[in-house]
């Protein structure tokens, strides 16, 4: 998928990641812990699929395994809080990659 880099001011929320190119998603996948990726991208639909498609298959499988583990753990740990924290960590990396920090 050929995408141009969006205006950094247009990337404010996790949902805005739909506007970033796959290269940014690859950087996120290499700089954010797999469990955080699972929490952050869980239930994000097309964005989750883009992430998994943009990275090497081995890492994609690790994230899928973590997604399954997150589903199991969500009974013990408040998933909303975990997801909010994980998405915050993802956004920190995105801001670094886009030169916002």
N, C-alpha and C. Protein backbone atom coordinates (compact mmCIF):
# COMPACT_ATOMS: atom_id res chain seq x y z
N UNK A 1 0.84 -1.16 0.00
CA UNK A 1 0.00 0.00 0.00
C UNK A 1 0.89 1.23 0.00
N UNK A 2 0.73 2.09 -0.95
CA UNK A 2 1.52 3.30 -1.05
C UNK A 2 0.73 4.45 -0.46
N UNK A 3 1.20 4.96 0.66
CA UNK A 3 0.54 6.07 1.31
C UNK A 3 1.58 7.15 1.57
N UNK A 4 1.12 8.40 1.48
CA UNK A 4 2.02 9.48 1.83
C UNK A 4 1.95 9.71 3.33
N UNK A 5 2.97 10.34 3.86
CA UNK A 5 2.99 10.63 5.28
C UNK A 5 1.97 11.74 5.53
N UNK A 6 1.08 11.54 6.49
CA UNK A 6 0.05 12.54 6.76
C UNK A 6 0.64 13.75 7.47
N UNK A 7 -0.10 14.81 7.46
CA UNK A 7 0.29 15.97 8.23
C UNK A 7 0.27 15.55 9.70
N UNK A 8 1.38 15.70 10.41
CA UNK A 8 1.44 15.24 11.80
C UNK A 8 0.32 15.81 12.67
N UNK A 9 -0.14 17.00 12.37
CA UNK A 9 -1.23 17.58 13.16
C UNK A 9 -2.53 16.81 13.02
N UNK A 10 -2.64 16.00 11.96
CA UNK A 10 -3.85 15.21 11.74
C UNK A 10 -3.85 13.91 12.55
N UNK A 11 -2.76 13.60 13.22
CA UNK A 11 -2.65 12.37 14.00
C UNK A 11 -2.75 12.73 15.47
N UNK A 12 -3.95 12.68 16.00
CA UNK A 12 -4.19 13.05 17.40
C UNK A 12 -4.62 11.88 18.25
N UNK A 13 -5.37 10.97 17.66
CA UNK A 13 -5.92 9.85 18.42
C UNK A 13 -5.45 8.54 17.81
N UNK A 14 -5.65 7.47 18.54
CA UNK A 14 -5.28 6.15 18.05
C UNK A 14 -5.99 5.84 16.72
N UNK A 15 -7.23 6.21 16.61
CA UNK A 15 -8.01 5.95 15.40
C UNK A 15 -7.42 6.66 14.18
N UNK A 16 -6.70 7.76 14.41
CA UNK A 16 -6.05 8.48 13.32
C UNK A 16 -4.91 7.69 12.68
N UNK A 17 -4.49 6.59 13.33
CA UNK A 17 -3.43 5.76 12.75
C UNK A 17 -3.85 5.17 11.41
N UNK A 18 -5.14 5.18 11.13
CA UNK A 18 -5.61 4.71 9.82
C UNK A 18 -5.02 5.57 8.70
N UNK A 19 -4.56 6.77 9.04
CA UNK A 19 -4.00 7.70 8.05
C UNK A 19 -2.50 7.52 7.83
N UNK A 20 -1.83 6.78 8.70
CA UNK A 20 -0.37 6.67 8.58
C UNK A 20 0.01 5.55 7.61
N UNK A 21 1.16 5.69 6.98
CA UNK A 21 1.61 4.62 6.06
C UNK A 21 2.06 3.37 6.83
N UNK A 22 2.11 2.28 6.13
CA UNK A 22 2.50 1.00 6.74
C UNK A 22 3.90 1.07 7.35
N UNK A 23 4.78 1.90 6.80
CA UNK A 23 6.13 2.02 7.37
C UNK A 23 6.09 2.48 8.83
N UNK A 24 5.17 3.37 9.14
CA UNK A 24 5.03 3.84 10.52
C UNK A 24 4.53 2.69 11.40
N UNK A 25 3.58 1.91 10.87
CA UNK A 25 3.07 0.77 11.64
C UNK A 25 4.19 -0.25 11.89
N UNK A 26 5.06 -0.44 10.91
CA UNK A 26 6.20 -1.34 11.10
C UNK A 26 7.10 -0.85 12.23
N UNK A 27 7.35 0.45 12.27
CA UNK A 27 8.18 1.01 13.33
C UNK A 27 7.52 0.82 14.69
N UNK A 28 6.22 1.03 14.73
CA UNK A 28 5.48 0.82 15.98
C UNK A 28 5.66 -0.62 16.43
N UNK A 29 5.53 -1.56 15.51
CA UNK A 29 5.63 -2.98 15.85
C UNK A 29 7.01 -3.37 16.37
N UNK A 30 8.04 -2.65 15.94
CA UNK A 30 9.38 -2.99 16.41
C UNK A 30 9.75 -2.26 17.70
N UNK A 31 9.02 -1.22 18.05
CA UNK A 31 9.38 -0.42 19.22
C UNK A 31 8.43 -0.56 20.41
N UNK A 32 7.31 -1.22 20.20
CA UNK A 32 6.32 -1.38 21.28
C UNK A 32 6.25 -2.87 21.62
N UNK A 33 6.19 -3.18 22.90
CA UNK A 33 6.14 -4.57 23.35
C UNK A 33 4.91 -5.28 22.76
N UNK A 34 5.08 -6.55 22.46
CA UNK A 34 4.04 -7.35 21.81
C UNK A 34 2.72 -7.33 22.61
N UNK A 35 2.80 -7.42 23.92
CA UNK A 35 1.56 -7.40 24.73
C UNK A 35 0.86 -6.05 24.60
N UNK A 36 1.65 -4.97 24.59
CA UNK A 36 1.04 -3.65 24.40
C UNK A 36 0.40 -3.54 23.02
N UNK A 37 1.05 -4.11 22.01
CA UNK A 37 0.46 -4.11 20.67
C UNK A 37 -0.87 -4.86 20.68
N UNK A 38 -0.91 -5.98 21.38
CA UNK A 38 -2.14 -6.77 21.45
C UNK A 38 -3.25 -5.96 22.10
N UNK A 39 -2.96 -5.33 23.23
CA UNK A 39 -3.98 -4.52 23.90
C UNK A 39 -4.39 -3.33 23.04
N UNK A 40 -3.42 -2.66 22.44
CA UNK A 40 -3.71 -1.46 21.67
C UNK A 40 -4.54 -1.74 20.42
N UNK A 41 -4.17 -2.79 19.70
CA UNK A 41 -4.82 -3.05 18.41
C UNK A 41 -6.02 -3.99 18.50
N UNK A 42 -6.23 -4.54 19.69
CA UNK A 42 -7.40 -5.42 19.89
C UNK A 42 -8.67 -4.64 19.57
N UNK A 43 -9.54 -5.25 18.84
CA UNK A 43 -10.83 -4.66 18.47
C UNK A 43 -10.70 -3.41 17.59
N UNK A 44 -9.57 -3.27 16.90
CA UNK A 44 -9.41 -2.10 16.03
C UNK A 44 -9.71 -2.43 14.57
N UNK A 45 -10.17 -3.65 14.31
CA UNK A 45 -10.63 -4.03 12.98
C UNK A 45 -9.58 -3.93 11.90
N UNK A 46 -9.85 -3.06 10.93
CA UNK A 46 -8.99 -2.92 9.76
C UNK A 46 -7.58 -2.48 10.15
N UNK A 47 -7.46 -1.67 11.17
CA UNK A 47 -6.13 -1.21 11.60
C UNK A 47 -5.30 -2.39 12.13
N UNK A 48 -5.94 -3.29 12.86
CA UNK A 48 -5.25 -4.50 13.33
C UNK A 48 -4.77 -5.32 12.14
N UNK A 49 -5.61 -5.48 11.15
CA UNK A 49 -5.24 -6.25 9.97
C UNK A 49 -4.11 -5.59 9.20
N UNK A 50 -4.13 -4.26 9.10
CA UNK A 50 -3.02 -3.54 8.44
C UNK A 50 -1.71 -3.77 9.16
N UNK A 51 -1.76 -3.67 10.49
CA UNK A 51 -0.54 -3.89 11.27
C UNK A 51 0.00 -5.29 11.02
N UNK A 52 -0.86 -6.29 11.14
CA UNK A 52 -0.43 -7.68 10.98
C UNK A 52 0.07 -7.95 9.56
N UNK A 53 -0.49 -7.27 8.58
CA UNK A 53 -0.05 -7.45 7.20
C UNK A 53 1.23 -6.72 6.86
N UNK A 54 1.56 -5.70 7.66
CA UNK A 54 2.73 -4.86 7.36
C UNK A 54 4.03 -5.42 7.94
N UNK A 55 3.91 -6.34 8.88
CA UNK A 55 5.11 -6.80 9.59
C UNK A 55 5.48 -8.22 9.16
N UNK A 56 6.65 -8.66 9.59
CA UNK A 56 7.08 -10.01 9.21
C UNK A 56 6.17 -11.05 9.86
N UNK A 57 5.97 -12.17 9.19
CA UNK A 57 5.02 -13.19 9.66
C UNK A 57 5.28 -13.69 11.07
N UNK A 58 6.54 -13.80 11.46
CA UNK A 58 6.85 -14.30 12.81
C UNK A 58 6.33 -13.34 13.88
N UNK A 59 6.52 -12.06 13.66
CA UNK A 59 6.04 -11.06 14.61
C UNK A 59 4.52 -11.01 14.60
N UNK A 60 3.92 -11.14 13.43
CA UNK A 60 2.46 -11.16 13.34
C UNK A 60 1.89 -12.33 14.16
N UNK A 61 2.54 -13.47 14.09
CA UNK A 61 2.07 -14.63 14.86
C UNK A 61 2.24 -14.39 16.36
N UNK A 62 3.32 -13.74 16.76
CA UNK A 62 3.51 -13.41 18.18
C UNK A 62 2.39 -12.48 18.66
N UNK A 63 2.03 -11.52 17.83
CA UNK A 63 0.95 -10.59 18.20
C UNK A 63 -0.37 -11.33 18.27
N UNK A 64 -0.63 -12.22 17.31
CA UNK A 64 -1.88 -13.01 17.35
C UNK A 64 -1.95 -13.85 18.63
N UNK A 65 -0.84 -14.46 19.01
CA UNK A 65 -0.80 -15.24 20.25
C UNK A 65 -1.06 -14.34 21.45
N UNK A 66 -0.50 -13.16 21.43
CA UNK A 66 -0.72 -12.21 22.52
C UNK A 66 -2.17 -11.73 22.55
N UNK A 67 -2.76 -11.58 21.38
CA UNK A 67 -4.19 -11.21 21.33
C UNK A 67 -5.05 -12.27 22.01
N UNK A 68 -4.70 -13.53 21.76
CA UNK A 68 -5.45 -14.62 22.41
C UNK A 68 -5.23 -14.57 23.93
N UNK A 69 -4.02 -14.30 24.35
CA UNK A 69 -3.72 -14.21 25.78
C UNK A 69 -4.44 -13.03 26.42
N UNK A 70 -4.51 -11.92 25.70
CA UNK A 70 -5.19 -10.73 26.20
C UNK A 70 -6.67 -11.03 26.41
N UNK A 71 -7.26 -11.76 25.49
CA UNK A 71 -8.67 -12.13 25.64
C UNK A 71 -8.87 -12.93 26.92
N UNK A 72 -7.95 -13.84 27.19
CA UNK A 72 -8.04 -14.67 28.39
C UNK A 72 -7.84 -13.82 29.64
N UNK A 73 -6.86 -12.92 29.62
CA UNK A 73 -6.55 -12.10 30.79
C UNK A 73 -7.59 -11.03 31.05
N UNK A 74 -8.38 -10.67 30.06
CA UNK A 74 -9.32 -9.57 30.23
C UNK A 74 -10.35 -9.86 31.33
N UNK A 75 -10.44 -11.11 31.72
CA UNK A 75 -11.34 -11.46 32.82
C UNK A 75 -10.75 -11.03 34.16
N UNK A 76 -9.42 -10.87 34.23
CA UNK A 76 -8.77 -10.54 35.50
C UNK A 76 -8.28 -9.10 35.57
N UNK A 77 -7.91 -8.51 34.46
CA UNK A 77 -7.34 -7.17 34.43
C UNK A 77 -8.32 -6.27 33.66
N UNK A 78 -8.62 -5.08 34.18
CA UNK A 78 -9.55 -4.19 33.46
C UNK A 78 -9.03 -3.89 32.05
N UNK A 79 -9.68 -4.43 31.03
CA UNK A 79 -9.16 -4.28 29.66
C UNK A 79 -9.17 -2.84 29.16
N UNK A 80 -10.12 -2.02 29.59
CA UNK A 80 -10.15 -0.64 29.12
C UNK A 80 -8.91 0.13 29.55
N UNK A 81 -8.52 -0.07 30.79
CA UNK A 81 -7.33 0.60 31.31
C UNK A 81 -6.08 0.11 30.59
N UNK A 82 -5.96 -1.18 30.40
CA UNK A 82 -4.82 -1.75 29.70
C UNK A 82 -4.75 -1.22 28.26
N UNK A 83 -5.91 -1.18 27.60
CA UNK A 83 -5.93 -0.71 26.22
C UNK A 83 -5.56 0.77 26.15
N UNK A 84 -6.08 1.56 27.04
CA UNK A 84 -5.77 3.00 27.06
C UNK A 84 -4.26 3.22 27.24
N UNK A 85 -3.66 2.51 28.19
CA UNK A 85 -2.22 2.64 28.43
C UNK A 85 -1.40 2.18 27.22
N UNK A 86 -1.79 1.06 26.64
CA UNK A 86 -1.07 0.51 25.48
C UNK A 86 -1.18 1.46 24.28
N UNK A 87 -2.36 2.00 24.06
CA UNK A 87 -2.53 2.93 22.94
C UNK A 87 -1.71 4.20 23.15
N UNK A 88 -1.58 4.61 24.39
CA UNK A 88 -0.75 5.77 24.70
C UNK A 88 0.70 5.49 24.32
N UNK A 89 1.19 4.29 24.64
CA UNK A 89 2.57 3.93 24.28
C UNK A 89 2.74 3.87 22.75
N UNK A 90 1.75 3.36 22.05
CA UNK A 90 1.81 3.32 20.59
C UNK A 90 1.87 4.74 20.03
N UNK A 91 1.05 5.62 20.56
CA UNK A 91 1.02 6.99 20.06
C UNK A 91 2.33 7.72 20.33
N UNK A 92 3.01 7.40 21.42
CA UNK A 92 4.32 8.00 21.69
C UNK A 92 5.30 7.67 20.57
N UNK A 93 5.30 6.40 20.14
CA UNK A 93 6.19 5.97 19.06
C UNK A 93 5.80 6.65 17.76
N UNK A 94 4.52 6.72 17.48
CA UNK A 94 4.06 7.36 16.25
C UNK A 94 4.49 8.81 16.23
N UNK A 95 4.35 9.50 17.33
CA UNK A 95 4.75 10.91 17.38
C UNK A 95 6.24 11.07 17.16
N UNK A 96 7.03 10.16 17.71
CA UNK A 96 8.48 10.20 17.46
C UNK A 96 8.77 9.99 15.97
N UNK A 97 8.10 9.02 15.37
CA UNK A 97 8.33 8.72 13.96
C UNK A 97 7.90 9.86 13.05
N UNK A 98 6.87 10.59 13.45
CA UNK A 98 6.39 11.71 12.65
C UNK A 98 7.08 13.03 12.99
N UNK A 99 8.01 12.96 13.95
CA UNK A 99 8.74 14.16 14.33
C UNK A 99 7.96 15.13 15.19
N UNK A 100 7.01 14.61 15.98
CA UNK A 100 6.22 15.47 16.83
C UNK A 100 6.78 15.62 18.24
N UNK A 101 7.77 14.81 18.59
CA UNK A 101 8.33 14.90 19.94
C UNK A 101 9.78 15.31 19.88
